[in-house]
Amino acid sequence: MTTDELTFSTFVEVASSIAALRAARAACVAPAGLQNPFLLVGPSGVGKSHLLTAIVHAIQNAAPATSVHVDGYTLSIDKLLELPATGVVLFDPLPDYSDSRRVDWMVATLTARRVQVLAATTDRRWLLPQALRSGFATTLASPSAAERERILTAWADRVAPERVSPGAAEAAIAHSFDLAGARGLLVTALSSLPAEAPNTQVTTLDVQVAVRARGVPHACDIKAIQHTVAEYYNLRVPDMLGGRRHRAISVPRQIAMYLSRRYTGESYPEIGHRFGGKDHSTVMTAFRNISARRERDDVLAASLTKIETSLGVSPHMPEPVRRLKPRVGRTFGNT
């Protein structure tokens, strides 16, 4: 989808995006008003850039002379002070939160000059009161599997009417980290259809062929997880596999166990064995703890997202097939 197509009419409204869509529409009614700056926070691939671009299109349709600056963070101080009051500046995405003071100053300067600021980020720390001193912020949640399928089907109907079967859309969702990946798979599958058969539909088999052609990963191994988590927390792998219970080590260890269970096909006992001979109940506890904390701890959730990105996995991925090992039982024979 090109930038020109990112409008409110092409945004598929689902339950997880209703609030954000309504807020985005309201921001167009009175630019540089109460919803300035306008901030969208949510995981990757949920439509933040789509909504911000739709706001820009709506503002420009109402006032064609409106100037738009796409990368506000790169503006110099002189350029910042020269922007006209009718302008729009995008921070998509916002820079790292460590630079929040500079961004807050830039945003405050722009809003004081009645320049509309539009921003998007995956980092929920930008929702903290001290991050941006004014404006309006809303969140976009991850759509459910059914919602992602609905969004993808609507996109497919728009770009290739009646050429993508419902099963193909479902398969593309199941084999992708996010909607962008699913769209990429369908584009690959569509391009493989014979030109002499314009009525041929993309099927589940075509998506599977596209998956193999593009090398879309389904899982990662425990060793890669251990090294990635250790590097993220500036630890040595042997320290994380040991028995020390200091929080600086035990939390990364639990995170690595959680990721190992979530993204590999290994059992609790096997994961425990790979973590220095830990009992399977330790792994189960770690998985439950991190799963629960991810829902309520924004800092931990952000860290998990960064680690998952480094590993090339996503919470949108389907659960891996568990590797069942045959039991070794006692054999009775003639004595």
Protein backbone atom coordinates (compact mmCIF):
# COMPACT_ATOMS: atom_id res chain seq x y z
CA MET A 1 0.00 0.00 0.00
CA THR A 2 1.43 3.37 -1.02
CA THR A 3 1.42 6.45 1.21
CA ASP A 4 -1.42 7.95 -0.86
CA GLU A 5 -3.58 4.95 0.01
CA LEU A 6 -3.09 5.32 3.77
CA THR A 7 -6.36 7.11 4.47
CA PHE A 8 -9.20 6.68 6.94
CA SER A 9 -11.26 4.95 4.26
CA THR A 10 -8.63 2.20 3.83
CA PHE A 11 -8.09 1.67 7.56
CA VAL A 12 -9.95 -1.44 8.70
CA GLU A 13 -11.66 -0.76 12.02
CA VAL A 14 -11.56 -3.64 14.51
CA ALA A 15 -12.26 -3.78 18.23
CA SER A 16 -8.62 -3.22 19.17
CA SER A 17 -8.39 -0.01 17.12
CA ILE A 18 -11.76 1.71 17.70
CA ALA A 19 -10.50 4.20 20.32
CA ALA A 20 -7.38 5.13 18.36
CA LEU A 21 -9.34 5.59 15.12
CA ARG A 22 -11.88 7.89 16.77
CA ALA A 23 -9.11 9.93 18.38
CA ALA A 24 -7.29 10.23 15.04
CA ARG A 25 -10.45 11.48 13.32
CA ALA A 26 -10.97 14.02 16.12
CA ALA A 27 -7.42 15.32 15.68
CA CYS A 28 -8.30 16.39 12.13
CA VAL A 29 -11.23 18.54 13.23
CA ALA A 30 -9.13 21.14 15.04
CA PRO A 31 -5.42 20.80 14.10
CA ALA A 32 -2.99 22.24 16.65
CA GLY A 33 -5.78 22.22 19.23
CA LEU A 34 -6.20 20.15 22.39
CA GLN A 35 -4.83 17.03 20.68
CA ASN A 36 -1.43 18.57 20.04
CA PRO A 37 0.85 16.69 20.19
CA PHE A 38 -1.05 13.58 19.12
CA LEU A 39 0.73 10.39 20.23
CA LEU A 40 -0.01 6.80 19.23
CA VAL A 41 1.60 3.98 21.23
CA GLY A 42 1.45 0.32 20.28
CA PRO A 43 3.41 -2.67 19.00
CA SER A 44 4.75 -2.88 15.46
CA GLY A 45 2.40 -3.58 12.60
CA VAL A 46 -0.89 -2.43 14.17
CA GLY A 47 -1.52 0.65 12.02
CA LYS A 48 0.12 3.58 13.83
CA SER A 49 1.76 4.98 10.69
CA HIS A 50 -1.43 4.40 8.72
CA LEU A 51 -3.46 6.54 11.14
CA LEU A 52 -0.87 9.33 11.31
CA THR A 53 -0.69 9.47 7.52
CA ALA A 54 -4.49 9.49 7.35
CA ILE A 55 -4.52 12.52 9.66
CA VAL A 56 -2.04 14.30 7.38
CA HIS A 57 -4.20 13.56 4.30
CA ALA A 58 -7.33 14.84 6.07
CA ILE A 59 -5.59 18.06 7.17
CA GLN A 60 -4.17 18.66 3.68
CA ASN A 61 -7.56 18.01 2.07
CA ALA A 62 -9.04 20.72 4.29
CA ALA A 63 -6.06 23.07 3.85
CA PRO A 64 -4.02 22.17 0.72
CA ALA A 65 -1.28 24.68 1.58
CA THR A 66 -0.34 22.80 4.76
CA SER A 67 3.38 21.96 4.87
CA VAL A 68 4.42 18.54 6.17
CA HIS A 69 7.79 17.53 7.63
CA VAL A 70 8.08 13.77 7.89
CA ASP A 71 11.11 13.34 10.18
CA GLY A 72 10.74 15.99 12.88
CA TYR A 73 13.67 14.72 14.95
CA THR A 74 16.15 15.77 12.26
CA LEU A 75 14.98 19.39 12.21
CA SER A 76 17.60 21.95 13.21
CA ILE A 77 16.75 24.66 15.74
CA ASP A 78 16.68 27.32 13.01
CA LYS A 79 14.37 25.22 10.84
CA LEU A 80 12.20 24.47 13.85
CA LEU A 81 11.64 28.15 14.50
CA GLU A 82 10.90 28.89 10.85
CA LEU A 83 8.01 26.44 10.48
CA PRO A 84 4.67 28.08 9.69
CA ALA A 85 1.82 27.76 12.16
CA THR A 86 -0.19 25.74 9.65
CA GLY A 87 2.47 23.04 9.40
CA VAL A 88 2.47 19.40 10.47
CA VAL A 89 5.52 17.60 11.86
CA LEU A 90 5.74 13.82 12.21
CA PHE A 91 7.90 11.91 14.67
CA ASP A 92 7.34 8.42 13.28
CA PRO A 93 8.82 6.78 15.15
CA LEU A 94 9.82 8.78 18.19
CA PRO A 95 13.54 8.39 18.98
CA ASP A 96 14.84 6.38 21.90
CA TYR A 97 13.33 7.34 25.24
CA SER A 98 16.79 8.24 26.54
CA ASP A 99 16.52 11.40 24.43
CA SER A 100 13.09 12.34 25.85
CA ARG A 101 14.23 15.73 27.20
CA ARG A 102 15.31 16.98 23.79
CA VAL A 103 12.16 15.62 22.15
CA ASP A 104 9.98 17.22 24.83
CA TRP A 105 11.65 20.57 24.18
CA MET A 106 11.18 20.24 20.41
CA VAL A 107 7.53 19.26 20.79
CA ALA A 108 6.86 22.08 23.27
CA THR A 109 8.47 24.59 20.88
CA LEU A 110 6.39 23.33 17.95
CA THR A 111 3.09 23.25 19.82
CA ALA A 112 3.72 26.76 21.19
CA ARG A 113 3.93 27.89 17.56
CA ARG A 114 0.66 26.00 16.85
CA VAL A 115 2.36 23.45 14.64
CA GLN A 116 0.53 20.11 14.75
CA VAL A 117 2.81 17.33 16.03
CA LEU A 118 2.00 13.70 15.20
CA ALA A 119 4.05 10.95 16.82
CA ALA A 120 4.14 7.16 17.10
CA THR A 121 6.21 4.72 19.14
CA THR A 122 6.30 1.17 20.45
CA ASP A 123 7.84 2.30 23.75
CA ARG A 124 5.15 2.74 26.41
CA ARG A 125 7.49 4.88 28.53
CA TRP A 126 6.45 7.79 26.32
CA LEU A 127 3.06 7.60 28.06
CA LEU A 128 4.63 8.67 31.36
CA PRO A 129 3.56 12.17 32.50
CA GLN A 130 7.15 13.43 32.49
CA ALA A 131 7.78 12.28 28.89
CA LEU A 132 5.65 14.86 27.05
CA ARG A 133 4.19 17.71 29.07
CA SER A 134 0.98 18.18 27.09
CA GLY A 135 -1.15 16.79 24.31
CA PHE A 136 -3.16 13.63 23.76
CA ALA A 137 -1.97 10.02 23.80
CA THR A 138 -3.81 6.84 22.93
CA THR A 139 -2.82 3.22 22.48
CA LEU A 140 -3.29 0.67 19.75
CA ALA A 141 -3.49 -2.91 21.00
CA SER A 142 -2.37 -5.95 19.07
CA PRO A 143 -5.32 -7.27 17.04
CA SER A 144 -6.49 -10.81 17.68
CA ALA A 145 -5.83 -13.52 15.10
CA ALA A 146 -9.40 -13.13 13.79
CA GLU A 147 -8.97 -9.35 13.55
CA ARG A 148 -5.64 -9.71 11.72
CA GLU A 149 -7.28 -12.07 9.26
CA ARG A 150 -10.11 -9.60 8.70
CA ILE A 151 -7.66 -6.74 8.11
CA LEU A 152 -5.57 -8.84 5.73
CA THR A 153 -8.64 -10.04 3.82
CA ALA A 154 -9.86 -6.44 3.38
CA TRP A 155 -6.42 -5.45 2.05
CA ALA A 156 -6.38 -8.42 -0.35
CA ASP A 157 -9.88 -7.59 -1.62
CA ARG A 158 -8.67 -4.08 -2.38
CA VAL A 159 -5.42 -4.94 -4.20
CA ALA A 160 -6.46 -8.25 -5.81
CA PRO A 161 -10.25 -8.70 -5.75
CA GLU A 162 -11.36 -12.34 -5.43
CA ARG A 163 -7.84 -13.66 -5.94
CA VAL A 164 -7.01 -14.63 -2.34
CA SER A 165 -8.91 -17.48 -0.73
CA PRO A 166 -9.92 -17.20 2.97
CA GLY A 167 -7.67 -20.14 3.78
CA ALA A 168 -4.68 -18.39 2.19
CA ALA A 169 -5.21 -15.27 4.31
CA GLU A 170 -5.42 -17.42 7.45
CA ALA A 171 -2.23 -19.28 6.49
CA ALA A 172 -0.37 -16.02 5.83
CA ILE A 173 -1.33 -14.76 9.31
CA ALA A 174 -0.21 -18.00 10.94
CA HIS A 175 3.20 -17.88 9.23
CA SER A 176 3.99 -14.20 9.86
CA PHE A 177 5.14 -12.03 12.74
CA ASP A 178 2.74 -9.20 11.86
CA LEU A 179 0.40 -7.91 9.17
CA ALA A 180 3.25 -6.50 7.10
CA GLY A 181 4.82 -9.95 6.91
CA ALA A 182 1.48 -11.54 6.02
CA ARG A 183 0.93 -9.02 3.24
CA GLY A 184 4.43 -9.77 1.93
CA LEU A 185 3.66 -13.48 1.78
CA LEU A 186 0.45 -12.87 -0.18
CA VAL A 187 2.28 -10.55 -2.59
CA THR A 188 4.86 -13.29 -3.18
CA ALA A 189 2.11 -15.87 -3.66
CA LEU A 190 0.17 -13.58 -6.03
CA SER A 191 3.26 -12.94 -8.15
CA SER A 192 3.70 -16.69 -8.64
CA LEU A 193 0.26 -17.17 -10.20
CA PRO A 194 0.27 -17.76 -13.96
CA ALA A 195 -0.51 -14.63 -15.97
CA GLU A 196 -2.58 -16.64 -18.45
CA ALA A 197 -5.03 -17.61 -15.67
CA PRO A 198 -6.27 -14.28 -14.22
CA ASN A 199 -9.06 -15.94 -12.25
CA THR A 200 -6.77 -18.29 -10.33
CA GLN A 201 -6.87 -17.82 -6.56
CA VAL A 202 -4.00 -17.93 -4.10
CA THR A 203 -4.41 -21.05 -1.96
CA THR A 204 -2.92 -22.28 1.30
CA LEU A 205 -0.40 -24.30 -0.71
CA ASP A 206 0.76 -21.15 -2.53
CA VAL A 207 1.36 -19.45 0.83
CA GLN A 208 3.36 -22.45 2.06
CA VAL A 209 5.51 -22.27 -1.08
CA ALA A 210 6.04 -18.54 -0.43
CA VAL A 211 7.05 -19.32 3.15
CA ARG A 212 9.71 -21.77 2.00
CA ALA A 213 10.90 -19.38 -0.72
CA ARG A 214 11.34 -16.49 1.71
CA GLY A 215 12.73 -18.58 4.56
CA VAL A 216 10.26 -17.34 7.17
CA PRO A 217 11.46 -18.75 10.50
CA HIS A 218 9.04 -20.48 12.85
CA ALA A 219 11.20 -20.93 15.90
CA CYS A 220 14.64 -20.37 17.31
CA ASP A 221 16.83 -22.60 19.43
CA ILE A 222 17.56 -22.40 23.15
CA LYS A 223 21.24 -21.60 22.65
CA ALA A 224 20.41 -18.53 20.53
CA ILE A 225 17.92 -17.38 23.17
CA GLN A 226 20.44 -17.78 25.99
CA HIS A 227 23.11 -15.78 24.17
CA THR A 228 20.69 -13.04 23.08
CA VAL A 229 19.24 -12.56 26.57
CA ALA A 230 22.70 -12.61 28.16
CA GLU A 231 23.96 -9.98 25.72
CA TYR A 232 20.88 -7.79 26.27
CA TYR A 233 21.40 -7.79 30.06
CA ASN A 234 25.21 -7.61 29.81
CA LEU A 235 25.72 -11.01 31.43
CA ARG A 236 27.82 -14.07 30.68
CA VAL A 237 25.85 -17.16 29.66
CA PRO A 238 27.52 -19.34 32.36
CA ASP A 239 26.32 -16.86 35.02
CA MET A 240 22.76 -17.15 33.76
CA LEU A 241 22.92 -20.93 33.71
CA GLY A 242 24.30 -21.14 37.24
CA GLY A 243 22.47 -21.24 40.54
CA ARG A 244 22.83 -17.63 41.74
CA ARG A 245 19.51 -16.06 42.72
CA HIS A 246 20.49 -12.40 42.59
CA ARG A 247 17.73 -10.48 40.81
CA ALA A 248 20.11 -9.15 38.16
CA ILE A 249 20.66 -12.77 37.10
CA SER A 250 17.45 -14.56 38.08
CA VAL A 251 15.15 -12.29 36.05
CA PRO A 252 17.13 -12.68 32.78
CA ARG A 253 17.26 -16.42 33.46
CA GLN A 254 13.46 -16.53 33.81
CA ILE A 255 13.07 -14.47 30.64
CA ALA A 256 15.30 -16.88 28.72
CA MET A 257 13.29 -19.84 30.05
CA TYR A 258 10.04 -18.12 29.08
CA LEU A 259 11.29 -17.44 25.54
CA SER A 260 12.61 -20.99 25.23
CA ARG A 261 9.21 -22.40 26.11
CA ARG A 262 7.32 -19.91 23.93
CA TYR A 263 9.41 -20.17 20.76
CA THR A 264 10.96 -23.65 20.71
CA GLY A 265 9.35 -27.03 20.66
CA GLU A 266 11.18 -28.22 23.76
CA SER A 267 9.52 -29.60 26.88
CA TYR A 268 9.86 -28.14 30.38
CA PRO A 269 12.30 -30.91 31.47
CA GLU A 270 14.48 -30.42 28.37
CA ILE A 271 14.61 -26.65 28.89
CA GLY A 272 15.53 -27.18 32.54
CA HIS A 273 18.32 -29.55 31.50
CA ARG A 274 19.67 -26.91 29.07
CA PHE A 275 19.70 -24.34 31.88
CA GLY A 276 22.20 -26.11 34.05
CA GLY A 277 20.07 -29.04 35.16
CA LYS A 278 17.16 -27.04 36.62
CA ASP A 279 14.00 -28.89 37.61
CA HIS A 280 11.09 -28.72 35.19
CA SER A 281 8.98 -27.00 37.87
CA THR A 282 11.49 -24.10 37.87
CA VAL A 283 10.91 -23.61 34.17
CA MET A 284 7.13 -23.79 34.61
CA THR A 285 7.28 -21.15 37.35
CA ALA A 286 9.47 -18.90 35.20
CA PHE A 287 7.09 -19.19 32.26
CA ARG A 288 4.04 -18.32 34.39
CA ASN A 289 5.80 -15.42 36.12
CA ILE A 290 7.06 -13.75 32.96
CA SER A 291 3.77 -14.34 31.13
CA ALA A 292 1.87 -12.58 33.94
CA ARG A 293 4.39 -9.76 34.34
CA ARG A 294 4.40 -9.04 30.62
CA GLU A 295 0.74 -8.01 30.87
CA ARG A 296 1.26 -5.48 33.68
CA ASP A 297 4.93 -4.41 33.53
CA ASP A 298 5.49 -2.04 30.60
CA VAL A 299 9.28 -1.93 31.05
CA LEU A 300 9.56 -5.73 30.98
CA ALA A 301 7.21 -5.91 28.00
CA ALA A 302 9.39 -3.43 26.08
CA SER A 303 12.52 -5.45 26.89
CA LEU A 304 10.86 -8.67 25.74
CA THR A 305 9.83 -7.04 22.48
CA LYS A 306 13.40 -5.89 21.80
CA ILE A 307 14.81 -9.35 22.56
CA GLU A 308 12.16 -11.00 20.37
CA THR A 309 13.01 -8.63 17.54
CA SER A 310 16.69 -9.57 17.85
CA LEU A 311 15.72 -13.25 17.68
CA GLY A 312 13.42 -12.70 14.69
CA VAL A 313 10.32 -13.91 16.51
CA SER A 314 7.06 -12.29 17.58
CA PRO A 315 4.25 -13.00 20.08
CA HIS A 316 1.93 -13.09 17.05
CA MET A 317 3.60 -16.31 15.89
CA PRO A 318 1.68 -19.54 16.49
CA GLU A 319 2.80 -21.82 19.29
CA PRO A 320 5.48 -24.25 18.06
CA VAL A 321 4.75 -27.93 17.81
CA ARG A 322 6.00 -29.58 20.98
CA ARG A 323 8.58 -32.27 20.45
CA LEU A 324 7.28 -35.39 22.13
CA LYS A 325 9.92 -37.93 23.03
CA PRO A 326 9.04 -41.62 23.45
CA ARG A 327 9.02 -42.87 27.01
CA VAL A 328 11.62 -45.36 27.93
CA GLY A 329 9.73 -48.10 29.73
CA ARG A 330 10.69 -51.40 31.31
CA THR A 331 10.76 -54.33 28.92
CA PHE A 332 9.63 -57.66 30.28
CA GLY A 333 10.79 -60.83 28.68
CA ASN A 334 11.26 -64.48 29.51
CA THR A 335 13.43 -65.09 32.49
